[in-house]
Protein backbone atom coordinates (compact mmCIF):
# COMPACT_ATOMS: atom_id res chain seq x y z
CA MET A 1 -69.46 155.73 -227.23
CA THR A 2 -69.67 151.78 -227.29
CA ALA A 3 -73.45 152.06 -228.18
CA GLN A 4 -72.60 154.24 -231.24
CA LEU A 5 -70.39 151.46 -232.72
CA GLU A 6 -72.80 148.68 -231.78
CA ASP A 7 -75.70 150.53 -233.47
CA ARG A 8 -73.70 150.20 -236.75
CA GLN A 9 -73.54 146.93 -238.59
CA PRO A 10 -70.50 145.53 -240.43
CA GLY A 11 -70.54 146.03 -244.04
CA ASP A 12 -72.20 149.73 -243.74
CA GLY A 13 -69.06 151.41 -244.99
CA HIS A 14 -68.13 152.62 -241.50
CA THR A 15 -67.80 149.29 -239.40
CA GLY A 16 -65.70 146.34 -240.07
CA VAL A 17 -64.84 143.10 -238.43
CA TYR A 18 -61.37 142.86 -237.01
CA VAL A 19 -59.85 139.26 -236.85
CA TYR A 20 -57.36 138.29 -234.07
CA GLY A 21 -56.73 134.69 -234.46
CA ILE A 22 -58.22 131.28 -235.25
CA LEU A 23 -58.74 128.14 -233.07
CA GLN A 24 -60.12 124.77 -233.51
CA GLY A 25 -63.40 123.94 -231.55
CA ASP A 26 -65.41 126.05 -229.15
CA ILE A 27 -64.03 128.50 -226.84
CA GLU A 28 -65.86 130.09 -223.94
CA LEU A 29 -65.73 133.97 -224.05
CA GLU A 30 -66.08 136.20 -221.23
CA ALA A 31 -69.13 138.56 -221.79
CA GLY A 32 -68.10 142.17 -222.46
CA THR A 33 -64.39 141.50 -223.29
CA PRO A 34 -63.32 144.60 -225.21
CA GLY A 35 -61.38 144.55 -228.42
CA VAL A 36 -59.29 147.06 -230.40
CA GLY A 37 -60.39 150.49 -231.51
CA ASP A 38 -62.03 153.50 -229.92
CA PRO A 39 -64.68 152.86 -229.13
CA ALA A 40 -64.02 149.06 -228.60
CA GLY A 41 -66.27 146.45 -229.87
CA GLU A 42 -67.03 143.28 -227.91
CA ILE A 43 -64.97 140.07 -228.62
CA ARG A 44 -67.17 137.13 -230.18
CA ALA A 45 -66.67 134.09 -232.20
CA VAL A 46 -67.28 133.41 -235.82
CA ARG A 47 -67.63 129.69 -236.71
CA TYR A 48 -66.69 127.73 -239.94
CA GLN A 49 -67.07 123.98 -239.43
CA ASP A 50 -64.66 123.38 -236.50
CA LEU A 51 -62.77 126.59 -236.90
CA THR A 52 -63.42 129.42 -234.71
CA ALA A 53 -62.22 132.99 -235.57
CA LEU A 54 -62.10 135.57 -232.77
CA VAL A 55 -63.35 138.92 -234.03
CA SER A 56 -64.84 142.17 -232.90
CA ASN A 57 -66.56 145.07 -234.72
CA VAL A 58 -64.20 147.97 -235.34
CA ASP A 59 -64.94 151.62 -236.49
CA LEU A 60 -63.40 152.01 -239.85
CA ASP A 61 -63.48 155.85 -239.51
CA ARG A 62 -60.85 155.64 -236.83
CA PRO A 63 -57.42 154.46 -237.64
CA LEU A 64 -56.00 151.44 -235.63
CA GLY A 65 -52.35 151.43 -234.53
CA ARG A 66 -52.45 152.83 -230.98
CA THR A 67 -50.26 151.14 -228.30
CA GLU A 68 -53.59 149.99 -226.65
CA ASP A 69 -54.76 148.33 -229.81
CA LEU A 70 -51.65 146.25 -230.32
CA PHE A 71 -51.58 145.37 -226.50
CA THR A 72 -55.22 144.29 -226.66
CA HIS A 73 -54.39 142.09 -229.80
CA GLU A 74 -51.61 140.38 -228.17
CA GLU A 75 -53.37 140.01 -224.71
CA LEU A 76 -56.24 138.18 -226.15
CA LEU A 77 -54.29 135.74 -228.31
CA ASP A 78 -51.62 135.21 -225.53
CA GLY A 79 -54.60 134.39 -223.15
CA ALA A 80 -55.95 131.95 -225.37
CA ALA A 81 -52.55 130.29 -226.12
CA ALA A 82 -52.27 129.55 -222.37
CA SER A 83 -54.82 126.70 -222.79
CA MET A 84 -55.05 125.89 -226.42
CA ALA A 85 -53.62 126.10 -229.95
CA VAL A 86 -54.18 129.40 -231.49
CA LEU A 87 -53.24 130.75 -234.89
CA PRO A 88 -52.54 134.43 -234.54
CA LEU A 89 -53.24 136.77 -237.49
CA ARG A 90 -51.11 139.81 -237.97
CA PHE A 91 -52.09 143.02 -236.34
CA GLY A 92 -54.65 144.99 -238.54
CA ALA A 93 -56.56 142.16 -240.14
CA VAL A 94 -60.12 143.71 -241.19
CA LEU A 95 -62.70 142.10 -243.15
CA ALA A 96 -66.32 143.48 -244.27
CA SER A 97 -68.50 141.17 -242.13
CA ASP A 98 -68.89 137.96 -240.34
CA ASP A 99 -69.94 136.31 -243.49
CA ALA A 100 -66.55 137.43 -245.02
CA VAL A 101 -64.63 136.00 -242.16
CA ALA A 102 -66.26 132.57 -242.92
CA ASP A 103 -66.42 132.71 -246.59
CA GLU A 104 -63.23 134.57 -247.46
CA LEU A 105 -60.88 133.59 -244.73
CA LEU A 106 -61.76 130.43 -242.89
CA GLY A 107 -63.43 128.60 -245.76
CA PRO A 108 -60.58 129.20 -248.48
CA HIS A 109 -57.78 128.47 -246.02
CA TYR A 110 -59.59 125.69 -243.99
CA ASP A 111 -56.95 123.04 -244.91
CA GLU A 112 -53.85 125.41 -244.24
CA PHE A 113 -55.42 126.54 -240.85
CA THR A 114 -56.33 123.20 -239.69
CA ALA A 115 -52.84 121.73 -240.48
CA ALA A 116 -51.13 124.68 -238.78
CA LEU A 117 -53.27 124.32 -235.66
CA ARG A 118 -52.52 120.57 -235.63
CA LYS A 119 -48.74 121.46 -235.58
CA LEU A 120 -49.35 123.95 -232.74
CA ASP A 121 -51.57 121.66 -230.54
CA GLY A 122 -50.09 121.32 -227.26
CA HIS A 123 -47.39 123.96 -227.61
CA ALA A 124 -47.05 127.63 -226.86
CA GLU A 125 -44.33 130.20 -227.60
CA TYR A 126 -41.91 131.42 -224.92
CA VAL A 127 -39.45 134.27 -225.54
CA VAL A 128 -36.05 134.71 -223.74
CA LYS A 129 -34.66 138.10 -223.60
CA GLY A 130 -31.18 139.17 -222.31
CA ARG A 131 -29.75 142.66 -221.89
CA TYR A 132 -26.14 143.28 -220.93
CA ASP A 133 -25.14 145.51 -217.98
CA GLU A 134 -23.11 148.27 -219.58
CA ASN A 135 -20.82 148.78 -216.84
CA ALA A 136 -20.04 145.12 -216.45
CA VAL A 137 -19.33 144.66 -220.09
CA LEU A 138 -17.07 147.67 -220.10
CA GLY A 139 -15.21 146.27 -217.09
CA GLU A 140 -14.72 142.96 -218.74
CA VAL A 141 -13.25 144.44 -221.93
CA LEU A 142 -10.88 146.81 -219.94
CA ALA A 143 -9.71 143.84 -217.92
CA ASP A 144 -9.30 141.43 -220.82
CA ASN A 145 -8.05 143.73 -223.60
CA ALA A 146 -4.65 145.60 -223.15
CA GLU A 147 -5.33 148.13 -225.86
CA ALA A 148 -8.80 149.03 -224.20
CA ALA A 149 -7.19 149.30 -220.80
CA GLN A 150 -4.60 151.82 -222.23
CA LEU A 151 -7.20 153.81 -224.13
CA GLY A 152 -9.30 153.98 -220.96
CA LYS A 153 -6.34 155.38 -219.04
CA GLU A 154 -5.83 158.10 -221.87
CA ILE A 155 -9.39 158.90 -221.93
CA SER A 156 -9.95 159.06 -218.18
CA GLY A 157 -10.20 162.85 -217.10
CA GLY A 158 -9.05 163.99 -220.57
CA ASP A 159 -10.54 166.70 -222.71
CA PRO A 160 -13.45 164.98 -224.84
CA VAL A 161 -12.26 166.71 -228.05
CA ALA A 162 -8.54 165.93 -227.55
CA THR A 163 -9.25 162.26 -226.85
CA ARG A 164 -11.96 161.85 -229.60
CA ASP A 165 -9.90 159.28 -231.54
CA GLN A 166 -9.23 157.20 -228.38
CA ARG A 167 -13.09 157.17 -227.64
CA ILE A 168 -13.96 156.10 -231.02
CA ARG A 169 -11.35 153.21 -231.00
CA LEU A 170 -12.48 152.12 -227.39
CA GLY A 171 -16.18 152.15 -228.73
CA GLU A 172 -15.15 149.76 -231.59
CA ILE A 173 -13.34 147.44 -229.39
CA VAL A 174 -16.31 147.29 -226.97
CA ALA A 175 -18.83 146.63 -229.83
CA ASP A 176 -16.67 143.96 -231.26
CA ALA A 177 -16.37 142.25 -227.83
CA ILE A 178 -20.26 142.57 -227.25
CA GLU A 179 -20.69 140.99 -230.72
CA SER A 180 -18.42 138.10 -230.05
CA GLY A 181 -19.84 137.51 -226.60
CA ARG A 182 -23.39 137.65 -227.90
CA GLU A 183 -22.68 134.82 -230.31
CA ASP A 184 -21.27 132.80 -227.42
CA ASP A 185 -24.22 133.44 -225.02
CA VAL A 186 -26.91 132.67 -227.72
CA ARG A 187 -25.17 129.35 -228.38
CA ALA A 188 -25.00 128.79 -224.60
CA LEU A 189 -28.69 129.54 -224.28
CA CYS A 190 -29.79 127.24 -227.10
CA ASP A 191 -27.62 124.45 -225.76
CA ALA A 192 -29.13 124.80 -222.21
CA VAL A 193 -32.72 124.65 -223.42
CA ALA A 194 -32.26 122.15 -226.35
CA GLY A 195 -33.94 119.26 -224.52
CA GLN A 196 -37.04 121.37 -223.67
CA VAL A 197 -37.97 123.08 -226.93
CA ALA A 198 -39.44 121.84 -230.29
CA ALA A 199 -38.32 124.80 -232.36
CA SER A 200 -36.60 127.99 -232.16
CA VAL A 201 -36.11 131.37 -233.81
CA LEU A 202 -33.35 133.86 -233.08
CA ARG A 203 -34.32 137.49 -233.41
CA PRO A 204 -31.69 140.12 -234.35
CA PRO A 205 -30.73 142.63 -231.53
CA ALA A 206 -32.58 145.79 -231.56
CA ASP A 207 -29.88 147.66 -229.52
CA GLU A 208 -26.15 147.21 -228.85
CA LEU A 209 -26.69 145.94 -225.31
CA ASP A 210 -29.22 143.31 -226.43
CA ALA A 211 -27.56 139.96 -225.43
CA VAL A 212 -29.98 137.36 -226.33
CA TYR A 213 -33.38 137.49 -228.05
CA ALA A 214 -34.94 134.01 -228.80
CA ALA A 215 -38.39 132.69 -229.38
CA PHE A 216 -38.94 128.94 -228.53
CA LEU A 217 -41.86 126.67 -229.32
CA VAL A 218 -42.47 124.56 -226.21
CA GLU A 219 -44.61 121.50 -225.49
CA THR A 220 -46.94 122.22 -222.53
CA GLY A 221 -45.36 119.46 -220.39
CA LYS A 222 -41.80 120.94 -220.90
CA ALA A 223 -42.53 124.53 -219.95
CA GLU A 224 -41.29 124.00 -216.50
CA GLY A 225 -38.12 122.48 -217.53
CA LEU A 226 -37.59 125.43 -219.82
CA ARG A 227 -38.21 127.84 -216.97
CA GLN A 228 -35.69 125.94 -214.88
CA ALA A 229 -33.09 126.00 -217.62
CA VAL A 230 -33.38 129.68 -217.99
CA GLU A 231 -33.35 130.31 -214.29
CA ARG A 232 -30.00 128.56 -214.03
CA LEU A 233 -28.46 130.60 -216.77
CA ALA A 234 -30.00 133.87 -215.28
CA GLY A 235 -28.20 132.87 -211.93
CA GLU A 236 -24.75 132.38 -213.69
CA TRP A 237 -25.12 135.32 -215.82
CA HIS A 238 -26.55 137.73 -213.20
CA GLU A 239 -23.49 139.99 -212.92
CA ARG A 240 -23.15 140.72 -216.58
CA MET A 241 -26.82 140.60 -217.95
CA GLU A 242 -30.61 140.53 -217.05
CA LEU A 243 -32.28 137.47 -218.52
CA ARG A 244 -36.13 137.06 -218.67
CA LEU A 245 -38.52 134.54 -219.73
CA ILE A 246 -41.84 135.56 -221.11
CA GLY A 247 -44.79 133.33 -221.94
CA PRO A 248 -46.79 131.44 -222.70
CA LEU A 249 -47.57 133.47 -225.80
CA ALA A 250 -49.44 132.80 -229.07
CA ALA A 251 -47.01 131.30 -231.53
CA TYR A 252 -46.37 134.58 -233.51
CA ASP A 253 -42.81 133.40 -234.62
CA PHE A 254 -43.84 129.99 -235.83
CA VAL A 255 -46.67 130.97 -238.12
CA SER A 256 -45.78 131.51 -241.76
CA ASN A 257 -47.02 134.59 -243.68
CA ASP A 258 -48.63 132.06 -246.11
CA THR A 259 -50.74 130.45 -243.26
CA THR A 260 -52.26 133.87 -242.31
CA ALA A 261 -53.10 134.72 -246.01
CA GLY A 262 -56.32 136.69 -246.34
CA ASN A 263 -55.63 139.08 -243.47
């Protein structure tokens, strides 16, 4: 299957060049590293002056978008970000050929890409995710809110239909308590890591039980300080939420859409 893709050439109408991200200077690539798509093309570099684009051939007859494709895209960029500044392109960036990568992407945006990479130099992204323990949150609400406690008693052992209004009201109280607690917890997290991060982006919760979801741009030398700060909070909060630190990652949250124009 791989041979079928490699026998085709970018620009033939069937094969394109998928672009993952952009770096400054040379990068050593492990031979045979597979890229996105099925069959997967081999990762290679396209140069323009001192910029390097990581690319691979991709079969245009087969749509991208598999979970495996997204994982491959992120894994490649995150691996590069562990040792150097990398400018990630959005998933799905495909051009016609290597020449198009150099002449239509790297060349016209050389100054933008160079400036963005200069800002990212010596930094990587780290993400902190926290998720509330549902039973712990409910216990806190029942202990602290008299109305919730009374509703809990009325609901306990009662007919679900007969206690429908009570259940709705208790759900509203719990949701309000989670929202208020989330604001306090996000503020506490940002205060705890303030001395370790260069920039931050707060992401909205994807689920009611999401506690904190924040991306931080961190200097390489301060990554250990960030880890220790998050570990301290995780210890303090362990009974009410699970807190995780993920990274280093490519700086997806700190690259503007304008910077990746042309993908």
